């Protein structure tokens, strides 16, 4: 087993131009790569006798809507044999299609579907790329930062129609005004009520 410093040097020397940046942080190795080198990097990390990152822990994304390369795709791996963790990431633009890891890690199937559902990122060669967390006919991708907190539609049971209906979200106007004062100072409506009570007394 190599310590993290040596492992980081080994990965850099073996993968050379495929690695854009490495960093040791939180007792883990963080690697930034190009999207096109993903499969080569992952196969090396899984099969090399000194790494053996044989468990895919998670796949997720981070949304940076102000950037040209909007999404950061993040993969987390664990080596049981060496008790080490590694995080691999790369940036892509909004409509880029990225390689699927399902041929290397079958467990990537549901994880990639979740990223597809929540962020709208498509995975090339995925065997069954469809939504996994949202309902049939759902529009948009809830973890994108430009997705409204209230959503676009709401599902409710209509007593009048005696069935479940899907309608555009309608917020009452009084739910649209927010009081940003600190709760420690007391919110506006409580202050007003207190002041009116003081005047009465």
N, C-alpha and C. Protein backbone atom coordinates (compact mmCIF):
# COMPACT_ATOMS: atom_id res chain seq x y z
N UNK A 1 0.84 -1.20 0.00
CA UNK A 1 0.00 0.00 0.00
C UNK A 1 0.88 1.25 0.00
N UNK A 2 0.55 2.19 -0.88
CA UNK A 2 1.28 3.44 -0.95
C UNK A 2 0.55 4.51 -0.14
N UNK A 3 1.34 5.44 0.45
CA UNK A 3 0.64 6.55 1.09
C UNK A 3 0.10 7.48 0.02
N UNK A 4 -0.72 8.43 0.44
CA UNK A 4 -1.42 9.27 -0.54
C UNK A 4 -0.48 10.10 -1.39
N UNK A 5 0.59 10.60 -0.78
CA UNK A 5 1.57 11.40 -1.54
C UNK A 5 2.17 10.58 -2.68
N UNK A 6 2.60 9.36 -2.33
CA UNK A 6 3.21 8.49 -3.35
C UNK A 6 2.19 8.06 -4.40
N UNK A 7 0.97 7.82 -3.94
CA UNK A 7 -0.07 7.41 -4.88
C UNK A 7 -0.39 8.54 -5.86
N UNK A 8 -0.44 9.75 -5.35
CA UNK A 8 -0.69 10.91 -6.22
C UNK A 8 0.42 11.04 -7.27
N UNK A 9 1.68 10.88 -6.84
CA UNK A 9 2.81 10.96 -7.79
C UNK A 9 2.73 9.83 -8.82
N UNK A 10 2.37 8.64 -8.37
CA UNK A 10 2.29 7.49 -9.28
C UNK A 10 1.21 7.72 -10.34
N UNK A 11 0.04 8.19 -9.90
CA UNK A 11 -1.06 8.45 -10.83
C UNK A 11 -0.64 9.49 -11.86
N UNK A 12 0.02 10.56 -11.40
CA UNK A 12 0.49 11.61 -12.31
C UNK A 12 1.51 11.07 -13.31
N UNK A 13 2.42 10.23 -12.83
CA UNK A 13 3.46 9.71 -13.74
C UNK A 13 2.89 8.70 -14.73
N UNK A 14 1.89 7.91 -14.32
CA UNK A 14 1.32 6.89 -15.20
C UNK A 14 0.37 7.51 -16.24
N UNK A 15 -0.41 8.48 -15.80
CA UNK A 15 -1.43 9.04 -16.69
C UNK A 15 -0.99 10.34 -17.36
N UNK A 16 0.09 10.90 -16.91
CA UNK A 16 0.74 12.10 -17.49
C UNK A 16 -0.24 13.11 -18.06
N UNK A 17 -0.41 13.15 -19.41
CA UNK A 17 -1.18 14.21 -20.07
C UNK A 17 -2.69 14.09 -19.82
N UNK A 18 -3.14 12.95 -19.31
CA UNK A 18 -4.57 12.77 -19.07
C UNK A 18 -5.02 13.48 -17.78
N UNK A 19 -4.07 13.88 -16.97
CA UNK A 19 -4.39 14.56 -15.70
C UNK A 19 -4.17 16.06 -15.85
N UNK A 20 -5.20 16.84 -15.56
CA UNK A 20 -5.05 18.30 -15.61
C UNK A 20 -4.54 18.86 -14.30
N UNK A 21 -5.02 18.25 -13.19
CA UNK A 21 -4.63 18.78 -11.87
C UNK A 21 -4.91 17.71 -10.82
N UNK A 22 -4.05 17.61 -9.81
CA UNK A 22 -4.32 16.74 -8.66
C UNK A 22 -4.13 17.54 -7.38
N UNK A 23 -4.82 17.09 -6.35
CA UNK A 23 -4.75 17.80 -5.06
C UNK A 23 -5.05 16.80 -3.94
N UNK A 24 -4.33 16.93 -2.84
CA UNK A 24 -4.62 16.13 -1.64
C UNK A 24 -5.42 16.99 -0.68
N UNK A 25 -6.60 16.50 -0.31
CA UNK A 25 -7.48 17.28 0.55
C UNK A 25 -8.40 16.32 1.28
N UNK A 26 -8.64 16.56 2.58
CA UNK A 26 -9.56 15.72 3.38
C UNK A 26 -9.15 14.25 3.33
N UNK A 27 -7.87 14.00 3.30
CA UNK A 27 -7.33 12.64 3.27
C UNK A 27 -7.81 11.86 2.04
N UNK A 28 -7.99 12.58 0.94
CA UNK A 28 -8.39 11.98 -0.34
C UNK A 28 -7.60 12.63 -1.47
N UNK A 29 -7.56 11.95 -2.61
CA UNK A 29 -6.93 12.54 -3.79
C UNK A 29 -8.04 13.06 -4.71
N UNK A 30 -7.89 14.31 -5.14
CA UNK A 30 -8.83 14.92 -6.08
C UNK A 30 -8.12 15.07 -7.42
N UNK A 31 -8.74 14.54 -8.48
CA UNK A 31 -8.13 14.58 -9.80
C UNK A 31 -9.07 15.28 -10.77
N UNK A 32 -8.53 16.23 -11.52
CA UNK A 32 -9.31 16.86 -12.58
C UNK A 32 -8.77 16.39 -13.92
N UNK A 33 -9.68 15.97 -14.80
CA UNK A 33 -9.28 15.41 -16.10
C UNK A 33 -10.08 16.06 -17.22
N UNK A 34 -9.80 15.65 -18.46
CA UNK A 34 -10.65 16.01 -19.59
C UNK A 34 -11.71 14.92 -19.77
N UNK A 35 -12.88 15.30 -20.23
CA UNK A 35 -13.98 14.35 -20.42
C UNK A 35 -13.56 13.19 -21.34
N UNK A 36 -12.80 13.50 -22.38
CA UNK A 36 -12.42 12.48 -23.37
C UNK A 36 -11.51 11.40 -22.79
N UNK A 37 -10.84 11.71 -21.68
CA UNK A 37 -9.91 10.73 -21.07
C UNK A 37 -10.57 9.93 -19.95
N UNK A 38 -11.86 10.13 -19.73
CA UNK A 38 -12.53 9.51 -18.58
C UNK A 38 -12.34 7.99 -18.53
N UNK A 39 -12.67 7.30 -19.61
CA UNK A 39 -12.64 5.84 -19.58
C UNK A 39 -11.24 5.30 -19.33
N UNK A 40 -10.22 5.91 -19.97
CA UNK A 40 -8.83 5.46 -19.77
C UNK A 40 -8.41 5.65 -18.31
N UNK A 41 -8.77 6.79 -17.73
CA UNK A 41 -8.39 7.08 -16.34
C UNK A 41 -9.09 6.11 -15.39
N UNK A 42 -10.38 5.88 -15.60
CA UNK A 42 -11.15 5.01 -14.70
C UNK A 42 -10.66 3.56 -14.79
N UNK A 43 -10.38 3.08 -16.00
CA UNK A 43 -9.88 1.71 -16.15
C UNK A 43 -8.55 1.54 -15.43
N UNK A 44 -7.67 2.55 -15.55
CA UNK A 44 -6.39 2.48 -14.84
C UNK A 44 -6.62 2.43 -13.33
N UNK A 45 -7.45 3.33 -12.81
CA UNK A 45 -7.67 3.40 -11.36
C UNK A 45 -8.29 2.11 -10.82
N UNK A 46 -9.10 1.45 -11.63
CA UNK A 46 -9.74 0.21 -11.17
C UNK A 46 -8.81 -0.99 -11.25
N UNK A 47 -7.99 -1.06 -12.29
CA UNK A 47 -7.24 -2.31 -12.55
C UNK A 47 -5.78 -2.29 -12.11
N UNK A 48 -5.20 -1.12 -11.94
CA UNK A 48 -3.77 -1.08 -11.57
C UNK A 48 -3.57 -1.70 -10.18
N UNK A 49 -2.54 -2.49 -10.04
CA UNK A 49 -2.33 -3.23 -8.78
C UNK A 49 -2.03 -2.32 -7.60
N UNK A 50 -1.61 -1.08 -7.88
CA UNK A 50 -1.29 -0.15 -6.79
C UNK A 50 -2.43 0.81 -6.45
N UNK A 51 -3.51 0.74 -7.20
CA UNK A 51 -4.64 1.63 -6.91
C UNK A 51 -5.87 0.82 -6.47
N UNK A 52 -6.38 -0.03 -7.36
CA UNK A 52 -7.51 -0.92 -7.05
C UNK A 52 -8.72 -0.18 -6.49
N UNK A 53 -9.10 0.91 -7.18
CA UNK A 53 -10.34 1.61 -6.80
C UNK A 53 -11.50 0.87 -7.46
N UNK A 54 -11.93 -0.20 -6.80
CA UNK A 54 -12.89 -1.13 -7.41
C UNK A 54 -14.34 -0.85 -7.04
N UNK A 55 -14.58 0.14 -6.18
CA UNK A 55 -15.97 0.46 -5.86
C UNK A 55 -16.30 1.89 -6.24
N UNK A 56 -17.33 2.03 -7.06
CA UNK A 56 -17.86 3.35 -7.40
C UNK A 56 -18.83 3.74 -6.30
N UNK A 57 -18.53 4.82 -5.59
CA UNK A 57 -19.37 5.27 -4.47
C UNK A 57 -20.53 6.12 -4.97
N UNK A 58 -20.24 7.07 -5.84
CA UNK A 58 -21.30 7.97 -6.30
C UNK A 58 -20.88 8.71 -7.57
N UNK A 59 -21.89 9.16 -8.31
CA UNK A 59 -21.69 10.08 -9.44
C UNK A 59 -22.65 11.23 -9.22
N UNK A 60 -22.15 12.45 -9.31
CA UNK A 60 -23.02 13.60 -9.14
C UNK A 60 -22.54 14.74 -10.04
N UNK A 61 -23.19 15.88 -9.93
CA UNK A 61 -22.81 17.04 -10.73
C UNK A 61 -22.96 18.29 -9.89
N UNK A 62 -22.29 19.35 -10.32
CA UNK A 62 -22.42 20.67 -9.70
C UNK A 62 -22.74 21.65 -10.83
N UNK A 63 -23.71 22.52 -10.59
CA UNK A 63 -24.17 23.44 -11.63
C UNK A 63 -23.56 24.82 -11.42
N UNK A 64 -22.87 25.32 -12.45
CA UNK A 64 -22.33 26.69 -12.46
C UNK A 64 -22.94 27.41 -13.66
N UNK A 65 -24.21 27.90 -13.54
CA UNK A 65 -24.92 28.42 -14.72
C UNK A 65 -24.25 29.62 -15.38
N UNK A 66 -23.38 30.31 -14.66
CA UNK A 66 -22.72 31.49 -15.23
C UNK A 66 -21.51 31.12 -16.09
N UNK A 67 -21.06 29.86 -16.02
CA UNK A 67 -19.87 29.43 -16.77
C UNK A 67 -20.23 28.86 -18.14
N UNK A 68 -19.29 28.98 -19.10
CA UNK A 68 -19.48 28.33 -20.40
C UNK A 68 -19.53 26.82 -20.23
N UNK A 69 -18.61 26.29 -19.42
CA UNK A 69 -18.65 24.87 -19.06
C UNK A 69 -19.49 24.78 -17.79
N UNK A 70 -20.77 24.59 -17.99
CA UNK A 70 -21.74 24.78 -16.90
C UNK A 70 -21.66 23.73 -15.80
N UNK A 71 -21.42 22.47 -16.17
CA UNK A 71 -21.51 21.39 -15.19
C UNK A 71 -20.15 20.79 -14.86
N UNK A 72 -19.97 20.54 -13.58
CA UNK A 72 -18.81 19.77 -13.13
C UNK A 72 -19.33 18.38 -12.77
N UNK A 73 -18.85 17.36 -13.48
CA UNK A 73 -19.27 15.98 -13.22
C UNK A 73 -18.25 15.36 -12.27
N UNK A 74 -18.75 14.74 -11.19
CA UNK A 74 -17.88 14.26 -10.11
C UNK A 74 -18.12 12.77 -9.87
N UNK A 75 -17.03 12.00 -9.79
CA UNK A 75 -17.08 10.56 -9.52
C UNK A 75 -16.27 10.28 -8.25
N UNK A 76 -16.83 9.47 -7.36
CA UNK A 76 -16.13 9.11 -6.13
C UNK A 76 -15.88 7.60 -6.08
N UNK A 77 -14.64 7.22 -5.80
CA UNK A 77 -14.26 5.80 -5.79
C UNK A 77 -13.60 5.43 -4.47
N UNK A 78 -13.71 4.15 -4.12
CA UNK A 78 -13.10 3.62 -2.90
C UNK A 78 -12.27 2.39 -3.23
N UNK A 79 -11.08 2.32 -2.64
CA UNK A 79 -10.26 1.11 -2.71
C UNK A 79 -10.38 0.41 -1.36
N UNK A 80 -11.11 -0.70 -1.32
CA UNK A 80 -11.26 -1.44 -0.06
C UNK A 80 -9.92 -2.01 0.40
N UNK A 81 -9.17 -2.47 -0.57
CA UNK A 81 -7.90 -3.13 -0.24
C UNK A 81 -6.92 -2.18 0.44
N UNK A 82 -6.88 -0.93 -0.05
CA UNK A 82 -5.92 0.04 0.50
C UNK A 82 -6.58 1.08 1.40
N UNK A 83 -7.90 0.99 1.56
CA UNK A 83 -8.65 1.94 2.37
C UNK A 83 -8.35 3.39 1.96
N UNK A 84 -8.48 3.65 0.66
CA UNK A 84 -8.22 4.99 0.13
C UNK A 84 -9.38 5.43 -0.75
N UNK A 85 -9.57 6.75 -0.82
CA UNK A 85 -10.64 7.31 -1.64
C UNK A 85 -10.06 8.27 -2.66
N UNK A 86 -10.75 8.34 -3.80
CA UNK A 86 -10.31 9.26 -4.85
C UNK A 86 -11.54 9.90 -5.49
N UNK A 87 -11.41 11.17 -5.85
CA UNK A 87 -12.51 11.91 -6.47
C UNK A 87 -12.02 12.40 -7.84
N UNK A 88 -12.74 12.01 -8.89
CA UNK A 88 -12.38 12.38 -10.26
C UNK A 88 -13.44 13.33 -10.80
N UNK A 89 -13.01 14.42 -11.45
CA UNK A 89 -14.00 15.38 -11.96
C UNK A 89 -13.54 15.99 -13.28
N UNK A 90 -14.51 16.54 -14.01
CA UNK A 90 -14.22 17.29 -15.24
C UNK A 90 -15.40 18.23 -15.50
N UNK A 91 -15.17 19.24 -16.33
CA UNK A 91 -16.21 20.22 -16.66
C UNK A 91 -16.75 19.98 -18.07
N UNK A 92 -18.05 20.22 -18.24
CA UNK A 92 -18.66 20.10 -19.57
C UNK A 92 -19.63 21.26 -19.78
N UNK A 93 -19.92 21.54 -21.05
CA UNK A 93 -20.92 22.56 -21.36
C UNK A 93 -22.32 21.94 -21.27
N UNK A 94 -23.35 22.78 -21.39
CA UNK A 94 -24.71 22.35 -21.07
C UNK A 94 -25.21 21.18 -21.89
N UNK A 95 -24.96 21.14 -23.19
CA UNK A 95 -25.53 20.09 -24.04
C UNK A 95 -24.53 19.00 -24.42
N UNK A 96 -23.41 18.95 -23.74
CA UNK A 96 -22.41 17.92 -24.03
C UNK A 96 -22.88 16.55 -23.54
N UNK A 97 -22.55 15.53 -24.31
CA UNK A 97 -22.85 14.15 -23.92
C UNK A 97 -21.57 13.54 -23.37
N UNK A 98 -21.67 12.85 -22.23
CA UNK A 98 -20.46 12.30 -21.60
C UNK A 98 -20.49 10.77 -21.65
N UNK A 99 -19.32 10.12 -21.57
CA UNK A 99 -19.28 8.66 -21.65
C UNK A 99 -19.93 8.02 -20.42
N UNK A 100 -20.62 6.92 -20.64
CA UNK A 100 -21.20 6.16 -19.53
C UNK A 100 -20.16 5.21 -18.94
N UNK A 101 -20.23 5.00 -17.63
CA UNK A 101 -19.32 4.05 -16.97
C UNK A 101 -19.97 2.69 -16.76
N UNK A 102 -21.17 2.47 -17.30
CA UNK A 102 -21.89 1.24 -16.99
C UNK A 102 -21.15 -0.03 -17.45
N UNK A 103 -20.33 0.08 -18.48
CA UNK A 103 -19.59 -1.10 -18.94
C UNK A 103 -18.47 -1.46 -17.96
N UNK A 104 -17.97 -0.48 -17.21
CA UNK A 104 -16.88 -0.71 -16.25
C UNK A 104 -17.43 -0.95 -14.85
N UNK A 105 -18.42 -0.14 -14.47
CA UNK A 105 -19.09 -0.26 -13.17
C UNK A 105 -20.61 -0.34 -13.43
N UNK A 106 -21.19 -1.55 -13.41
CA UNK A 106 -22.64 -1.67 -13.63
C UNK A 106 -23.47 -0.81 -12.68
N UNK A 107 -22.94 -0.55 -11.47
CA UNK A 107 -23.69 0.26 -10.49
C UNK A 107 -23.85 1.71 -10.95
N UNK A 108 -23.11 2.12 -11.99
CA UNK A 108 -23.23 3.49 -12.52
C UNK A 108 -24.59 3.71 -13.17
N UNK A 109 -25.30 2.64 -13.49
CA UNK A 109 -26.57 2.74 -14.20
C UNK A 109 -27.52 3.71 -13.52
N UNK A 110 -27.88 3.45 -12.27
CA UNK A 110 -28.85 4.30 -11.57
C UNK A 110 -28.26 5.66 -11.24
N UNK A 111 -26.97 5.71 -10.94
CA UNK A 111 -26.34 7.00 -10.60
C UNK A 111 -26.38 7.95 -11.79
N UNK A 112 -26.08 7.42 -12.98
CA UNK A 112 -26.11 8.25 -14.19
C UNK A 112 -27.54 8.67 -14.52
N UNK A 113 -28.50 7.79 -14.27
CA UNK A 113 -29.90 8.17 -14.48
C UNK A 113 -30.31 9.31 -13.54
N UNK A 114 -29.81 9.28 -12.32
CA UNK A 114 -30.11 10.35 -11.37
C UNK A 114 -29.53 11.68 -11.83
N UNK A 115 -28.29 11.67 -12.32
CA UNK A 115 -27.67 12.90 -12.83
C UNK A 115 -28.43 13.40 -14.06
N UNK A 116 -28.86 12.47 -14.91
CA UNK A 116 -29.66 12.82 -16.09
C UNK A 116 -30.97 13.48 -15.65
N UNK A 117 -31.63 12.90 -14.67
CA UNK A 117 -32.92 13.40 -14.21
C UNK A 117 -32.79 14.76 -13.52
N UNK A 118 -31.83 14.88 -12.63
CA UNK A 118 -31.71 16.09 -11.81
C UNK A 118 -31.03 17.26 -12.53
N UNK A 119 -30.08 16.96 -13.45
CA UNK A 119 -29.30 18.01 -14.10
C UNK A 119 -29.48 18.07 -15.62
N UNK A 120 -30.01 17.02 -16.23
CA UNK A 120 -30.18 17.01 -17.68
C UNK A 120 -28.93 16.65 -18.44
N UNK A 121 -27.96 16.01 -17.79
CA UNK A 121 -26.71 15.59 -18.45
C UNK A 121 -26.94 14.22 -19.09
N UNK A 122 -26.62 14.07 -20.37
CA UNK A 122 -26.83 12.80 -21.08
C UNK A 122 -25.55 11.97 -21.11
N UNK A 123 -25.71 10.65 -21.01
CA UNK A 123 -24.58 9.71 -20.98
C UNK A 123 -24.61 8.81 -22.21
N UNK A 124 -23.54 8.87 -22.99
CA UNK A 124 -23.45 8.07 -24.21
C UNK A 124 -23.28 6.58 -23.85
N UNK A 125 -24.00 5.72 -24.58
CA UNK A 125 -23.95 4.27 -24.42
C UNK A 125 -24.56 3.78 -23.11
N UNK A 126 -25.36 4.62 -22.47
CA UNK A 126 -26.09 4.14 -21.28
C UNK A 126 -27.21 3.22 -21.74
N UNK A 127 -27.41 2.06 -21.08
CA UNK A 127 -28.39 1.08 -21.58
C UNK A 127 -29.86 1.48 -21.40
N UNK A 128 -30.15 2.42 -20.49
CA UNK A 128 -31.56 2.73 -20.21
C UNK A 128 -31.67 4.13 -19.60
N UNK A 129 -31.31 5.14 -20.38
CA UNK A 129 -31.23 6.50 -19.83
C UNK A 129 -32.62 7.14 -19.82
N UNK A 130 -33.28 7.10 -18.67
CA UNK A 130 -34.58 7.75 -18.48
C UNK A 130 -34.65 8.25 -17.05
N UNK A 131 -35.65 9.07 -16.78
CA UNK A 131 -35.79 9.66 -15.44
C UNK A 131 -35.96 8.56 -14.39
N UNK A 132 -35.49 8.88 -13.16
CA UNK A 132 -35.54 7.87 -12.10
C UNK A 132 -36.18 8.41 -10.82
N UNK A 133 -36.13 9.73 -10.60
CA UNK A 133 -36.66 10.31 -9.36
C UNK A 133 -37.92 11.14 -9.56
N UNK A 134 -38.08 11.73 -10.73
CA UNK A 134 -39.25 12.56 -10.97
C UNK A 134 -40.34 11.76 -11.67
N UNK A 135 -41.53 12.36 -11.75
CA UNK A 135 -42.70 11.65 -12.26
C UNK A 135 -42.74 11.65 -13.79
N UNK A 136 -43.67 10.86 -14.36
CA UNK A 136 -43.88 10.83 -15.80
C UNK A 136 -44.28 12.22 -16.29
N UNK A 137 -43.70 12.66 -17.39
CA UNK A 137 -44.06 13.95 -17.95
C UNK A 137 -43.49 15.14 -17.22
N UNK A 138 -42.60 14.92 -16.27
CA UNK A 138 -42.01 16.04 -15.51
C UNK A 138 -41.17 16.89 -16.45
N UNK A 139 -41.26 18.21 -16.28
CA UNK A 139 -40.49 19.13 -17.12
C UNK A 139 -39.38 19.78 -16.31
N UNK A 140 -38.20 19.87 -16.92
CA UNK A 140 -37.08 20.54 -16.26
C UNK A 140 -36.23 19.59 -15.44
N UNK A 141 -35.22 20.16 -14.80
CA UNK A 141 -34.25 19.38 -14.02
C UNK A 141 -34.07 20.08 -12.67
N UNK A 142 -34.60 19.50 -11.59
CA UNK A 142 -34.75 20.20 -10.30
C UNK A 142 -33.47 20.69 -9.63
N UNK A 143 -32.30 20.09 -9.90
CA UNK A 143 -31.09 20.55 -9.22
C UNK A 143 -30.31 21.59 -10.02
N UNK A 144 -30.82 21.98 -11.17
CA UNK A 144 -30.21 23.12 -11.87
C UNK A 144 -30.55 24.39 -11.09
N UNK A 145 -29.60 25.30 -11.03
CA UNK A 145 -29.82 26.49 -10.20
C UNK A 145 -30.86 27.45 -10.76
N UNK A 146 -31.21 27.30 -12.04
CA UNK A 146 -32.25 28.17 -12.60
C UNK A 146 -33.64 27.54 -12.52
N UNK A 147 -33.75 26.38 -11.86
CA UNK A 147 -35.05 25.75 -11.69
C UNK A 147 -35.77 26.43 -10.52
N UNK A 148 -37.03 26.87 -10.69
CA UNK A 148 -37.70 27.59 -9.59
C UNK A 148 -37.93 26.71 -8.36
N UNK A 149 -37.78 27.30 -7.18
CA UNK A 149 -37.93 26.53 -5.94
C UNK A 149 -39.31 25.91 -5.82
N UNK A 150 -40.31 26.56 -6.38
CA UNK A 150 -41.68 26.04 -6.30
C UNK A 150 -41.99 25.03 -7.40
N UNK A 151 -41.09 24.88 -8.38
CA UNK A 151 -41.36 24.02 -9.51
C UNK A 151 -42.26 24.71 -10.52
N UNK A 152 -42.57 24.04 -11.62
CA UNK A 152 -43.43 24.59 -12.65
C UNK A 152 -44.88 24.13 -12.50
N UNK A 153 -45.05 22.90 -11.99
CA UNK A 153 -46.40 22.35 -11.86
C UNK A 153 -46.58 21.75 -10.48
N UNK A 154 -47.84 21.55 -10.09
CA UNK A 154 -48.14 20.87 -8.83
C UNK A 154 -49.15 19.77 -9.09
N UNK A 155 -49.06 18.70 -8.31
CA UNK A 155 -49.97 17.57 -8.44
C UNK A 155 -50.87 17.57 -7.21
N UNK A 156 -52.18 17.50 -7.42
CA UNK A 156 -53.10 17.47 -6.29
C UNK A 156 -54.34 16.67 -6.66
N UNK A 157 -55.06 16.26 -5.64
CA UNK A 157 -56.34 15.56 -5.88
C UNK A 157 -57.44 16.59 -5.99
N UNK A 158 -58.20 16.53 -7.07
CA UNK A 158 -59.31 17.45 -7.28
C UNK A 158 -60.61 16.79 -6.82
N UNK A 159 -61.21 17.37 -5.79
CA UNK A 159 -62.49 16.85 -5.28
C UNK A 159 -63.58 17.00 -6.34
N UNK A 160 -63.48 18.09 -7.09
CA UNK A 160 -64.48 18.38 -8.13
C UNK A 160 -64.44 17.34 -9.25
N UNK A 161 -63.20 17.01 -9.71
CA UNK A 161 -63.04 16.05 -10.82
C UNK A 161 -62.91 14.61 -10.35
N UNK A 162 -62.73 14.41 -9.03
CA UNK A 162 -62.56 13.08 -8.44
C UNK A 162 -61.36 12.34 -9.04
N UNK A 163 -60.26 13.08 -9.27
CA UNK A 163 -59.04 12.46 -9.79
C UNK A 163 -57.84 13.37 -9.49
N UNK A 164 -56.65 12.81 -9.69
CA UNK A 164 -55.42 13.58 -9.50
C UNK A 164 -55.21 14.46 -10.72
N UNK A 165 -54.93 15.75 -10.49
CA UNK A 165 -54.72 16.68 -11.60
C UNK A 165 -53.35 17.33 -11.48
N UNK A 166 -52.78 17.70 -12.63
CA UNK A 166 -51.51 18.42 -12.68
C UNK A 166 -51.80 19.82 -13.18
N UNK A 167 -51.38 20.83 -12.41
CA UNK A 167 -51.68 22.22 -12.76
C UNK A 167 -50.43 23.07 -12.63
N UNK A 168 -50.38 24.20 -13.35
CA UNK A 168 -49.27 25.14 -13.13
C UNK A 168 -49.30 25.65 -11.69
N UNK A 169 -48.13 25.89 -11.12
CA UNK A 169 -48.05 26.39 -9.74
C UNK A 169 -48.62 27.79 -9.68
N UNK A 170 -49.53 28.00 -8.72
CA UNK A 170 -50.08 29.34 -8.48
C UNK A 170 -49.84 29.67 -7.02
N UNK A 171 -49.06 30.72 -6.77
CA UNK A 171 -48.79 31.12 -5.40
C UNK A 171 -49.67 32.31 -5.04
N UNK A 172 -50.26 32.25 -3.86
CA UNK A 172 -50.98 33.42 -3.36
C UNK A 172 -50.00 34.56 -3.19
N UNK A 173 -50.46 35.80 -3.39
CA UNK A 173 -49.56 36.95 -3.33
C UNK A 173 -48.89 37.08 -1.96
N UNK A 174 -49.62 36.71 -0.88
CA UNK A 174 -49.03 36.89 0.45
C UNK A 174 -47.87 35.93 0.70
N UNK A 175 -47.73 34.89 -0.15
CA UNK A 175 -46.56 34.00 -0.01
C UNK A 175 -45.35 34.54 -0.77
N UNK A 176 -45.53 35.59 -1.51
CA UNK A 176 -44.44 36.12 -2.34
C UNK A 176 -43.62 37.19 -1.63
N UNK A 177 -44.12 37.73 -0.51
CA UNK A 177 -43.34 38.75 0.20
C UNK A 177 -42.60 38.07 1.35
N UNK A 178 -41.31 38.26 1.35
CA UNK A 178 -40.46 37.57 2.34
C UNK A 178 -39.88 38.58 3.31
N UNK A 179 -39.79 38.16 4.55
CA UNK A 179 -39.19 39.00 5.60
C UNK A 179 -37.78 38.46 5.84
N UNK A 180 -36.77 39.25 5.46
CA UNK A 180 -35.39 38.76 5.55
C UNK A 180 -34.71 39.14 6.86
N UNK A 181 -35.45 39.71 7.80
CA UNK A 181 -34.82 40.10 9.06
C UNK A 181 -34.45 38.87 9.88
N UNK A 182 -33.45 39.05 10.72
CA UNK A 182 -32.99 37.94 11.55
C UNK A 182 -34.08 37.53 12.53
N UNK A 183 -34.30 36.21 12.69
CA UNK A 183 -35.31 35.78 13.67
C UNK A 183 -34.95 36.18 15.09
N UNK A 184 -33.65 36.45 15.35
CA UNK A 184 -33.23 36.86 16.69
C UNK A 184 -33.72 38.27 17.00
N UNK A 185 -33.88 39.06 15.94
CA UNK A 185 -34.35 40.43 16.14
C UNK A 185 -35.88 40.49 16.14
N UNK A 186 -36.52 39.42 15.74
CA UNK A 186 -37.98 39.40 15.66
C UNK A 186 -38.44 39.81 14.28
N UNK A 187 -39.33 39.03 13.70
CA UNK A 187 -39.79 39.35 12.35
C UNK A 187 -40.72 40.55 12.37
N UNK A 188 -40.95 41.11 11.21
CA UNK A 188 -41.68 42.37 11.07
C UNK A 188 -43.09 42.30 11.66
N UNK A 189 -43.82 41.22 11.34
CA UNK A 189 -45.21 41.16 11.81
C UNK A 189 -45.28 41.04 13.33
N UNK A 190 -44.28 40.38 13.95
CA UNK A 190 -44.26 40.28 15.41
C UNK A 190 -43.95 41.64 16.02
N UNK A 191 -43.01 42.38 15.41
CA UNK A 191 -42.68 43.73 15.90
C UNK A 191 -43.91 44.64 15.85
N UNK A 192 -44.63 44.58 14.71
CA UNK A 192 -45.81 45.43 14.55
C UNK A 192 -46.87 45.09 15.58
N UNK A 193 -47.05 43.79 15.81
CA UNK A 193 -48.04 43.36 16.79
C UNK A 193 -47.64 43.81 18.19
N UNK A 194 -46.35 43.68 18.52
CA UNK A 194 -45.85 44.09 19.83
C UNK A 194 -46.04 45.59 20.02
N UNK A 195 -45.71 46.37 18.98
CA UNK A 195 -45.83 47.83 19.08
C UNK A 195 -47.29 48.24 19.28
N UNK A 196 -48.23 47.59 18.56
CA UNK A 196 -49.65 47.95 18.72
C UNK A 196 -50.15 47.56 20.11
N UNK A 197 -49.67 46.44 20.65
CA UNK A 197 -50.04 46.06 22.01
C UNK A 197 -49.51 47.05 23.04
N UNK A 198 -48.27 47.54 22.80
CA UNK A 198 -47.66 48.52 23.72
C UNK A 198 -48.47 49.81 23.74
N UNK A 199 -48.97 50.23 22.54
CA UNK A 199 -49.73 51.46 22.44
C UNK A 199 -51.08 51.34 23.18
N UNK A 200 -51.69 50.16 23.09
CA UNK A 200 -52.97 49.93 23.78
C UNK A 200 -52.79 49.99 25.29
N UNK A 201 -51.63 49.49 25.78
CA UNK A 201 -51.38 49.47 27.22
C UNK A 201 -50.91 50.85 27.66
